[in-house]
Amino acid sequence: MNCGTALQVENEYAAKIRDGQVQGNGGGAPVAVGGWTCQGYPTPEVLSTGNASQCHTASAAIVAVLPVPNPASTLTTG
């Protein structure tokens, strides 16, 4: 698998989420994307690890990772 394939699968998965084609609470149920199975991680895991979703086949896996926010940088003073 190459980077282009990974990006294509993740982009197709994201499009299905945006279009409301993914079932489950918040669109987290497994969904088929061009021979891959993709599923989002629960929000607490996304916030603690940055892992947003995984797509896999029998022989390969892709994990979409978001930057984990730094709690100190998200605090504001008033």
N, C-alpha and C. Protein backbone atom coordinates (compact mmCIF):
# COMPACT_ATOMS: atom_id res chain seq x y z
N MET A 1 0.84 -1.17 0.00
CA MET A 1 0.00 0.00 0.00
C MET A 1 0.89 1.24 0.00
N ASN A 2 0.44 2.27 -0.68
CA ASN A 2 1.21 3.51 -0.71
C ASN A 2 0.41 4.65 -0.08
N CYS A 3 1.04 5.78 0.09
CA CYS A 3 0.42 6.93 0.74
C CYS A 3 -0.82 7.41 -0.03
N GLY A 4 -0.77 7.38 -1.34
CA GLY A 4 -1.91 7.81 -2.15
C GLY A 4 -3.14 6.96 -1.90
N THR A 5 -2.93 5.65 -1.75
CA THR A 5 -4.05 4.75 -1.45
C THR A 5 -4.63 5.08 -0.08
N ALA A 6 -3.77 5.27 0.90
CA ALA A 6 -4.22 5.59 2.25
C ALA A 6 -5.05 6.87 2.27
N LEU A 7 -4.56 7.90 1.58
CA LEU A 7 -5.29 9.17 1.53
C LEU A 7 -6.63 9.01 0.82
N GLN A 8 -6.66 8.24 -0.25
CA GLN A 8 -7.91 8.02 -0.98
C GLN A 8 -8.94 7.32 -0.10
N VAL A 9 -8.52 6.28 0.60
CA VAL A 9 -9.44 5.55 1.48
C VAL A 9 -9.96 6.47 2.58
N GLU A 10 -9.07 7.20 3.24
CA GLU A 10 -9.48 8.10 4.32
C GLU A 10 -10.39 9.21 3.81
N ASN A 11 -10.10 9.76 2.63
CA ASN A 11 -10.96 10.80 2.06
C ASN A 11 -12.34 10.26 1.71
N GLU A 12 -12.40 9.04 1.17
CA GLU A 12 -13.70 8.43 0.86
C GLU A 12 -14.48 8.16 2.15
N TYR A 13 -13.79 7.70 3.18
CA TYR A 13 -14.44 7.46 4.47
C TYR A 13 -14.98 8.78 5.03
N ALA A 14 -14.19 9.83 5.02
CA ALA A 14 -14.63 11.14 5.52
C ALA A 14 -15.84 11.65 4.73
N ALA A 15 -15.86 11.43 3.42
CA ALA A 15 -17.00 11.85 2.60
C ALA A 15 -18.26 11.10 3.01
N LYS A 16 -18.14 9.80 3.29
CA LYS A 16 -19.30 9.03 3.73
C LYS A 16 -19.84 9.56 5.06
N ILE A 17 -18.93 9.93 5.96
CA ILE A 17 -19.37 10.49 7.24
C ILE A 17 -20.10 11.81 7.00
N ARG A 18 -19.51 12.70 6.20
CA ARG A 18 -20.14 14.00 5.92
C ARG A 18 -21.50 13.84 5.27
N ASP A 19 -21.65 12.82 4.42
CA ASP A 19 -22.91 12.60 3.71
C ASP A 19 -23.94 11.84 4.52
N GLY A 20 -23.60 11.49 5.79
CA GLY A 20 -24.54 10.78 6.66
C GLY A 20 -24.70 9.31 6.30
N GLN A 21 -23.72 8.72 5.63
CA GLN A 21 -23.82 7.33 5.20
C GLN A 21 -23.26 6.34 6.22
N VAL A 22 -22.80 6.83 7.38
CA VAL A 22 -22.21 5.96 8.39
C VAL A 22 -23.16 5.90 9.58
N GLN A 23 -23.61 4.71 9.92
CA GLN A 23 -24.55 4.51 11.01
C GLN A 23 -23.82 4.53 12.35
N GLY A 24 -24.60 4.54 13.42
CA GLY A 24 -24.03 4.48 14.77
C GLY A 24 -24.06 5.83 15.43
N ASN A 25 -23.81 5.82 16.72
CA ASN A 25 -23.80 7.04 17.50
C ASN A 25 -22.67 7.94 17.03
N GLY A 26 -23.00 9.03 16.40
CA GLY A 26 -21.98 9.94 15.88
C GLY A 26 -21.31 9.44 14.62
N GLY A 27 -21.89 8.44 13.96
CA GLY A 27 -21.32 7.92 12.72
C GLY A 27 -20.11 7.05 12.95
N GLY A 28 -20.09 6.27 14.05
CA GLY A 28 -18.91 5.48 14.37
C GLY A 28 -18.96 4.02 13.98
N ALA A 29 -20.05 3.59 13.35
CA ALA A 29 -20.18 2.18 12.99
C ALA A 29 -19.23 1.83 11.84
N PRO A 30 -18.85 0.55 11.74
CA PRO A 30 -17.99 0.15 10.61
C PRO A 30 -18.70 0.38 9.27
N VAL A 31 -17.92 0.77 8.26
CA VAL A 31 -18.46 1.01 6.93
C VAL A 31 -17.44 0.53 5.90
N ALA A 32 -17.94 -0.04 4.82
CA ALA A 32 -17.08 -0.51 3.73
C ALA A 32 -16.70 0.67 2.84
N VAL A 33 -15.41 0.75 2.53
CA VAL A 33 -14.89 1.81 1.65
C VAL A 33 -13.92 1.16 0.68
N GLY A 34 -14.38 0.84 -0.52
CA GLY A 34 -13.50 0.31 -1.56
C GLY A 34 -12.68 -0.89 -1.14
N GLY A 35 -13.29 -1.87 -0.46
CA GLY A 35 -12.58 -3.07 -0.04
C GLY A 35 -11.94 -2.96 1.34
N TRP A 36 -12.04 -1.81 1.96
CA TRP A 36 -11.52 -1.58 3.30
C TRP A 36 -12.71 -1.49 4.26
N THR A 37 -12.49 -1.76 5.54
CA THR A 37 -13.50 -1.54 6.57
C THR A 37 -12.98 -0.41 7.45
N CYS A 38 -13.78 0.66 7.58
CA CYS A 38 -13.36 1.83 8.34
C CYS A 38 -14.30 2.05 9.52
N GLN A 39 -13.72 2.54 10.63
CA GLN A 39 -14.52 2.83 11.82
C GLN A 39 -13.82 3.89 12.64
N GLY A 40 -14.63 4.80 13.20
CA GLY A 40 -14.09 5.84 14.07
C GLY A 40 -13.88 5.33 15.48
N TYR A 41 -12.95 5.97 16.19
CA TYR A 41 -12.70 5.66 17.58
C TYR A 41 -13.64 6.49 18.46
N PRO A 42 -13.93 6.03 19.69
CA PRO A 42 -14.77 6.82 20.61
C PRO A 42 -14.09 8.16 20.95
N THR A 43 -14.89 9.17 21.19
CA THR A 43 -14.38 10.51 21.47
C THR A 43 -13.33 10.54 22.58
N PRO A 44 -13.53 9.87 23.73
CA PRO A 44 -12.48 9.93 24.76
C PRO A 44 -11.13 9.42 24.25
N GLU A 45 -11.14 8.41 23.41
CA GLU A 45 -9.87 7.90 22.86
C GLU A 45 -9.26 8.90 21.89
N VAL A 46 -10.10 9.53 21.06
CA VAL A 46 -9.60 10.54 20.12
C VAL A 46 -8.92 11.67 20.89
N LEU A 47 -9.57 12.12 21.96
CA LEU A 47 -9.02 13.23 22.73
C LEU A 47 -7.73 12.87 23.47
N SER A 48 -7.60 11.61 23.89
CA SER A 48 -6.41 11.25 24.64
C SER A 48 -5.26 10.76 23.77
N THR A 49 -5.56 10.18 22.61
CA THR A 49 -4.49 9.63 21.76
C THR A 49 -4.32 10.35 20.45
N GLY A 50 -5.38 11.00 19.96
CA GLY A 50 -5.35 11.62 18.64
C GLY A 50 -5.78 10.66 17.54
N ASN A 51 -5.92 9.36 17.87
CA ASN A 51 -6.38 8.38 16.87
C ASN A 51 -7.84 8.63 16.56
N ALA A 52 -8.15 9.02 15.33
CA ALA A 52 -9.51 9.38 14.96
C ALA A 52 -10.27 8.22 14.35
N SER A 53 -9.62 7.43 13.51
CA SER A 53 -10.29 6.31 12.86
C SER A 53 -9.27 5.31 12.35
N GLN A 54 -9.77 4.11 12.03
CA GLN A 54 -8.93 3.09 11.44
C GLN A 54 -9.66 2.47 10.26
N CYS A 55 -8.94 2.24 9.19
CA CYS A 55 -9.44 1.50 8.03
C CYS A 55 -8.50 0.31 7.85
N HIS A 56 -9.08 -0.87 7.59
CA HIS A 56 -8.22 -2.04 7.45
C HIS A 56 -8.76 -3.03 6.43
N THR A 57 -7.84 -3.82 5.92
CA THR A 57 -8.15 -4.99 5.10
C THR A 57 -7.54 -6.17 5.86
N ALA A 58 -7.56 -7.35 5.24
CA ALA A 58 -6.96 -8.51 5.90
C ALA A 58 -5.46 -8.37 6.06
N SER A 59 -4.83 -7.52 5.23
CA SER A 59 -3.36 -7.45 5.25
C SER A 59 -2.78 -6.07 5.54
N ALA A 60 -3.61 -5.05 5.75
CA ALA A 60 -3.08 -3.71 5.97
C ALA A 60 -4.03 -2.89 6.83
N ALA A 61 -3.49 -1.88 7.49
CA ALA A 61 -4.31 -0.98 8.31
C ALA A 61 -3.81 0.45 8.16
N ILE A 62 -4.75 1.38 8.24
CA ILE A 62 -4.47 2.82 8.19
C ILE A 62 -5.10 3.42 9.43
N VAL A 63 -4.37 4.25 10.16
CA VAL A 63 -4.92 4.96 11.31
C VAL A 63 -4.82 6.45 11.02
N ALA A 64 -5.97 7.12 11.07
CA ALA A 64 -5.98 8.57 10.91
C ALA A 64 -5.74 9.18 12.28
N VAL A 65 -4.71 10.04 12.39
CA VAL A 65 -4.32 10.62 13.67
C VAL A 65 -4.45 12.13 13.60
N LEU A 66 -5.11 12.69 14.60
CA LEU A 66 -5.25 14.13 14.72
C LEU A 66 -4.30 14.63 15.78
N PRO A 67 -3.87 15.89 15.70
CA PRO A 67 -3.02 16.41 16.78
C PRO A 67 -3.81 16.45 18.08
N VAL A 68 -3.22 15.98 19.16
CA VAL A 68 -3.87 16.01 20.47
C VAL A 68 -3.69 17.40 21.05
N PRO A 69 -4.82 18.04 21.47
CA PRO A 69 -4.68 19.39 22.01
C PRO A 69 -3.91 19.39 23.32
N ASN A 70 -3.14 20.42 23.52
CA ASN A 70 -2.40 20.62 24.77
C ASN A 70 -3.34 21.35 25.72
N PRO A 71 -3.71 20.72 26.85
CA PRO A 71 -4.68 21.37 27.77
C PRO A 71 -4.25 22.77 28.19
N ALA A 72 -2.98 23.01 28.36
CA ALA A 72 -2.52 24.34 28.78
C ALA A 72 -2.79 25.38 27.71
N SER A 73 -2.73 24.97 26.44
CA SER A 73 -2.93 25.96 25.37
C SER A 73 -4.41 26.22 25.11
N THR A 74 -5.30 25.37 25.65
CA THR A 74 -6.72 25.59 25.39
C THR A 74 -7.39 26.38 26.52
N LEU A 75 -6.67 26.63 27.61
CA LEU A 75 -7.22 27.41 28.71
C LEU A 75 -7.11 28.90 28.38
N THR A 76 -8.14 29.61 28.76
CA THR A 76 -8.10 31.06 28.56
C THR A 76 -8.27 31.74 29.92
N THR A 77 -7.75 32.90 30.02
CA THR A 77 -7.93 33.66 31.26
C THR A 77 -8.89 34.79 30.98
N GLY A 78 -9.64 35.14 31.98
CA GLY A 78 -10.67 36.08 31.71
C GLY A 78 -10.62 37.32 32.43
